[in-house]
Amino acid sequence: MKIPEEVRRLIFERKSAREALDWERADALREQIAALGWEVQDSPGRSTARPAITIADAVPPPSLDNPASVALSLQVVADDHPEDFARLLAGLAAHPPSVPWELIIVANAPSFDLDEPLSALHLPIEPTILRSPQRLGWADARTLGLERSRGEITLLLDTSLEPIGDFSTPLLAALTDPAVGIAGGWGVTSGDGREFVDAPPGEVDAIEGYCLATRREALQVVRGFDHRFRFYRNADLDFSFAVRAAGWRAMRTEALPFERHEHRGYTSLPDTERNRLSKRNFYRFLKHWGDRRDLLLRPFDQ
């Protein structure tokens, strides 16, 4: 969304206050921005804002900076395609994680009423619902859920997946090694950092975002996805490389018990628009990591 001019002005004033170490003024400006329905996002050298989020069943909201209070946080984003959302939840109801867990649903201004699929299912736990009044980009929606995670491990699942068995045990087993910071059912490698190919189980260069699990210590360093990835493609590469640059390894598991269905994020766009957004995201990835050949497991020149 385009940030209103008044909010932009307050963000600029707050940035000046922070640079002057006037924290009281900065906090007051944050409250003014919140009163206008926007939530400040700070990152090194830059501040921006996104539409404020309302949180059900999570007051006060948990913080990623707090110690973990549950073994696994499982995050799902609801935006369009209610049948896909309901199918994933039905799979979770039939095959819930094997450890204590929480379910975080990011209601990204969905085009359908969440109450209908939720009331039709018998989930073993009550989900935490994070509601955005305006549609967030892919990265912001995912990061919102990460920020509220209480889990020792946080798992992102795409609604194109349908659980058909115990998926959590092998995923968590891959992360028992403290050197592994990120794991998932699909991974890729590259010899030049420009072209990535599917990789077999084992250590990989990056984990694909359909099923991506991260340990809390890595999230506390990386914090989340770069908010400029409004489209999903290549955001997982960027996130994986950030985790690995911070010192952790990425591990692809053996095949997990999921049935894969049509990926709407890919098929819902015309080819030309999908290619344009994909290329733009890949240029962002290259800007961040194009010269980090040390992060490639098997570069061509070795």
Foldseek 3Di string as FASTA:
>chain_A
DDDDPVLVVLQVVLVVCVVVVVVVSNVVSQVVSVVVQWHWDDDVPDIDIDGDKDKPPAVVFAFLPDAADFAEEEEEEAAEDVVLVLQQQQLCQVAPEPTGYAYEYEDQCHPDDPCVSVVVGDRPDDHMYIYGNHGAFPFVSFLVSVGRHRHQKYKYAYSQKHADYHQNVQQVVVCPPVQAFKEFAWAWADQQLQDIDTDAWFWHLFDDRNIMMGGSVLCVVLSTFDRVLSQRAPSRNQSSNSSVVVRHTYTHTHHGRIDGHDRCSQPVDDPVVSVVSNVVSSVVSCVVCNPPSVSHPHHPVD
